[in-house]
Structures are given as structure tokens and as C-alpha cells.
């Protein structure tokens, strides 16, 4: 199990919420009524959302889209993710998080699992939103090109 990437999820209504928006996990461990841990195999892509309330409303709102790494691969550390993952997207602040969730919904409307979308698409969404620009929509043609590239790349 050491090659898996573990994500600790928590849900305390109105206080703290950490959840997976998309991604296929390989294992699940219940910690208690409010916490569980999902484990992802190397190469799995998933979206991890973190929200926390503060005294006067939202104190934290973040989303990370990560690729689970194999042992020995470089990775970025992310709170509640062990060991971490290859960061495809990392944004904070509810307006940006909401835009990422909209981008995920748009990929799903194409009939695609967002975990199967080209990693470069999530990097593009990150870069555009981080600079206040509008990201291009993911297109079926781009997805076909990604699938072809995966077939010919090692």
C-alpha cells in the first residue's frame, strides 16, 4: 500500500469540508463518522477540494487537481495528501474554485471523466485563472489528440 497516494477527507457541516470532486480511488478506510481516507494508485488524477469556515464566513477555499505519483517520482506536498502528488492545478479563493468546478462540469458535459482529460488542460485552466484570464473549453478534438499522444508516448 506504500505506493498509493492517501487523501484524508473530513466533513463537519458548516465547519470544515474536504472532499474529492472526481477521481477513481483504489481503497477507502473509514476513520470515524466524519473522516475517511481514500487511496489512489500511481497515475490516477483526482480533484481535492478543501473548505473551512471562519468566524466571519469562509476562511479557506482551495482546489487541487493532482496526479498520484509512483515511488521515486517528484511531487508537490499538499495538506492532507500523503505523500503528495504532481500538481496539475492549485488555486484558492472561492471565485477561482467555483470557476474550476465549472470547468470540471464542462468536461463532464462532453461525456468524459475529468480524470481522463489531458493533464495539460488542467495546467491551462490553472494558468489562465491564476492570471485572471478565461480558460479555453476542453474540446473533443483536444481529447482525441491527448488519447493519440498517450498511445505513442512511453
Protein backbone atom coordinates (compact mmCIF):
# COMPACT_ATOMS: atom_id res chain seq x y z
CA UNK A 1 0.00 0.00 0.00
CA UNK A 2 3.01 2.36 0.23
CA UNK A 3 2.83 3.17 -3.49
CA UNK A 4 -0.67 4.60 -3.07
CA UNK A 5 -1.44 8.27 -2.52
CA UNK A 6 -3.67 8.76 0.52
CA UNK A 7 -6.13 11.65 0.92
CA UNK A 8 -7.76 12.39 4.26
CA UNK A 9 -11.34 13.61 3.86
CA UNK A 10 -13.41 15.28 6.57
CA UNK A 11 -16.95 16.59 6.68
CA UNK A 12 -18.21 18.65 9.61
CA UNK A 13 -21.21 20.56 8.24
CA UNK A 14 -20.59 24.30 8.17
CA UNK A 15 -17.13 23.98 9.76
CA UNK A 16 -14.73 22.04 7.54
CA UNK A 17 -15.23 20.08 4.36
CA UNK A 18 -12.58 18.17 2.41
CA UNK A 19 -13.82 16.09 -0.49
CA UNK A 20 -12.87 14.53 -3.81
CA UNK A 21 -14.69 16.11 -6.77
CA UNK A 22 -13.51 13.46 -9.27
CA UNK A 23 -11.07 10.59 -9.44
CA UNK A 24 -11.21 6.82 -9.10
CA UNK A 25 -9.80 5.60 -5.79
CA UNK A 26 -8.36 2.12 -5.20
CA UNK A 27 -9.13 1.85 -1.49
CA UNK A 28 -11.14 3.51 1.25
CA UNK A 29 -10.64 3.48 5.01
CA UNK A 30 -13.24 4.82 7.42
CA UNK A 31 -11.57 6.73 10.25
CA UNK A 32 -14.69 7.84 12.12
CA UNK A 33 -18.16 9.26 11.44
CA UNK A 34 -16.72 12.40 9.90
CA UNK A 35 -13.43 11.27 8.42
CA UNK A 36 -12.23 8.74 5.89
CA UNK A 37 -9.18 8.18 3.76
CA UNK A 38 -9.20 7.46 0.03
CA UNK A 39 -6.16 5.94 -1.66
CA UNK A 40 -5.26 6.45 -5.31
CA UNK A 41 -2.93 4.31 -7.45
CA UNK A 42 0.02 5.87 -9.29
CA UNK A 43 -1.13 7.78 -12.36
CA UNK A 44 -4.66 8.43 -11.06
CA UNK A 45 -5.83 12.02 -11.48
CA UNK A 46 -8.18 13.48 -8.89
CA UNK A 47 -9.58 16.81 -7.70
CA UNK A 48 -9.30 17.57 -3.98
CA UNK A 49 -11.43 20.40 -2.60
CA UNK A 50 -10.87 22.00 0.82
CA UNK A 51 -13.21 24.43 2.50
CA UNK A 52 -13.13 25.78 6.05
CA UNK A 53 -15.35 28.27 7.83
CA UNK A 54 -14.02 31.15 9.86
CA UNK A 55 -15.52 33.47 12.40
CA UNK A 56 -16.97 35.71 9.66
CA UNK A 57 -17.62 33.27 6.80
CA UNK A 58 -15.31 31.27 4.59
CA UNK A 59 -11.73 31.22 5.86
CA UNK A 60 -10.30 28.79 3.28
CA UNK A 61 -11.43 27.61 -0.13
CA UNK A 62 -8.97 25.62 -2.26
CA UNK A 63 -8.89 23.09 -5.06
CA UNK A 64 -6.01 20.92 -6.22
CA UNK A 65 -6.02 18.65 -9.24
CA UNK A 66 -3.28 16.12 -8.68
CA UNK A 67 -1.79 13.07 -10.35
CA UNK A 68 -0.84 10.34 -7.89
CA UNK A 69 2.87 9.58 -8.29
CA UNK A 70 4.87 6.36 -8.31
CA UNK A 71 7.61 5.82 -5.73
CA UNK A 72 10.67 7.87 -6.67
CA UNK A 73 8.79 10.44 -8.77
CA UNK A 74 8.97 14.09 -7.74
CA UNK A 75 5.84 15.53 -6.16
CA UNK A 76 4.37 18.62 -4.54
CA UNK A 77 3.24 18.45 -0.95
CA UNK A 78 -0.43 19.20 -0.27
CA UNK A 79 -2.04 19.24 3.17
CA UNK A 80 -3.97 16.01 3.88
CA UNK A 81 -2.38 14.24 0.87
CA UNK A 82 0.34 11.67 1.59
CA UNK A 83 2.93 11.77 0.16
CA UNK A 84 1.64 14.46 -2.22
CA UNK A 85 1.17 14.47 -5.98
CA UNK A 86 2.08 16.03 -9.28
CA UNK A 87 0.24 19.33 -9.23
CA UNK A 88 -1.80 19.98 -12.36
CA UNK A 89 -3.86 22.78 -10.84
CA UNK A 90 -3.75 24.57 -7.47
CA UNK A 91 -6.00 27.54 -6.83
CA UNK A 92 -7.51 29.23 -3.81
CA UNK A 93 -10.33 31.68 -3.18
CA UNK A 94 -13.95 30.81 -3.80
CA UNK A 95 -14.33 32.68 -7.15
CA UNK A 96 -11.43 30.70 -8.67
CA UNK A 97 -12.52 27.43 -7.05
CA UNK A 98 -16.02 27.93 -8.46
CA UNK A 99 -14.55 28.53 -11.95
CA UNK A 100 -12.56 25.28 -11.70
CA UNK A 101 -15.71 23.42 -10.66
CA UNK A 102 -17.44 24.90 -13.72
CA UNK A 103 -14.56 23.69 -15.93
CA UNK A 104 -14.91 20.20 -14.44
CA UNK A 105 -18.66 20.27 -15.12
CA UNK A 106 -17.97 21.32 -18.73
CA UNK A 107 -15.69 18.30 -19.27
CA UNK A 108 -18.39 16.04 -17.82
CA UNK A 109 -21.00 17.55 -20.17
CA UNK A 110 -18.84 16.24 -23.04
CA UNK A 111 -19.46 12.75 -21.65
CA UNK A 112 -15.88 12.46 -20.38
CA UNK A 113 -14.50 11.66 -16.96
CA UNK A 114 -12.44 14.72 -15.90
CA UNK A 115 -9.77 12.30 -14.59
CA UNK A 116 -9.24 11.18 -18.20
CA UNK A 117 -8.86 14.69 -19.62
CA UNK A 118 -5.44 15.79 -20.85
CA UNK A 119 -3.30 16.90 -17.88
CA UNK A 120 -2.27 19.92 -19.96
CA UNK A 121 -5.89 21.08 -19.91
CA UNK A 122 -5.84 21.34 -16.10
CA UNK A 123 -2.49 23.17 -16.24
CA UNK A 124 -4.02 25.56 -18.80
CA UNK A 125 -7.07 26.17 -16.57
CA UNK A 126 -4.73 26.84 -13.63
CA UNK A 127 -2.55 29.29 -15.56
CA UNK A 128 -5.46 31.20 -17.08
CA UNK A 129 -7.47 31.54 -13.86
CA UNK A 130 -4.37 32.40 -11.82
CA UNK A 131 -3.79 35.38 -14.13
CA UNK A 132 -7.45 36.42 -14.29
CA UNK A 133 -8.00 35.20 -17.83
CA UNK A 134 -10.65 32.95 -19.32
CA UNK A 135 -9.52 29.35 -19.96
CA UNK A 136 -10.33 27.65 -23.27
CA UNK A 137 -13.02 24.99 -23.05
CA UNK A 138 -11.92 21.38 -23.35
CA UNK A 139 -12.94 20.06 -26.77
CA UNK A 140 -13.48 16.55 -28.13
CA UNK A 141 -10.71 17.21 -30.68
CA UNK A 142 -8.27 18.03 -27.90
CA UNK A 143 -9.27 14.86 -26.06
CA UNK A 144 -8.73 12.73 -29.19
CA UNK A 145 -5.28 14.30 -29.62
CA UNK A 146 -4.46 13.51 -25.97
CA UNK A 147 -5.52 9.87 -26.40
CA UNK A 148 -3.38 9.55 -29.56
CA UNK A 149 -0.40 11.13 -27.81
CA UNK A 150 -0.77 8.70 -24.88
CA UNK A 151 -0.67 5.75 -27.30
CA UNK A 152 2.60 6.79 -28.89
CA UNK A 153 4.37 8.14 -25.78
CA UNK A 154 6.18 5.84 -23.36
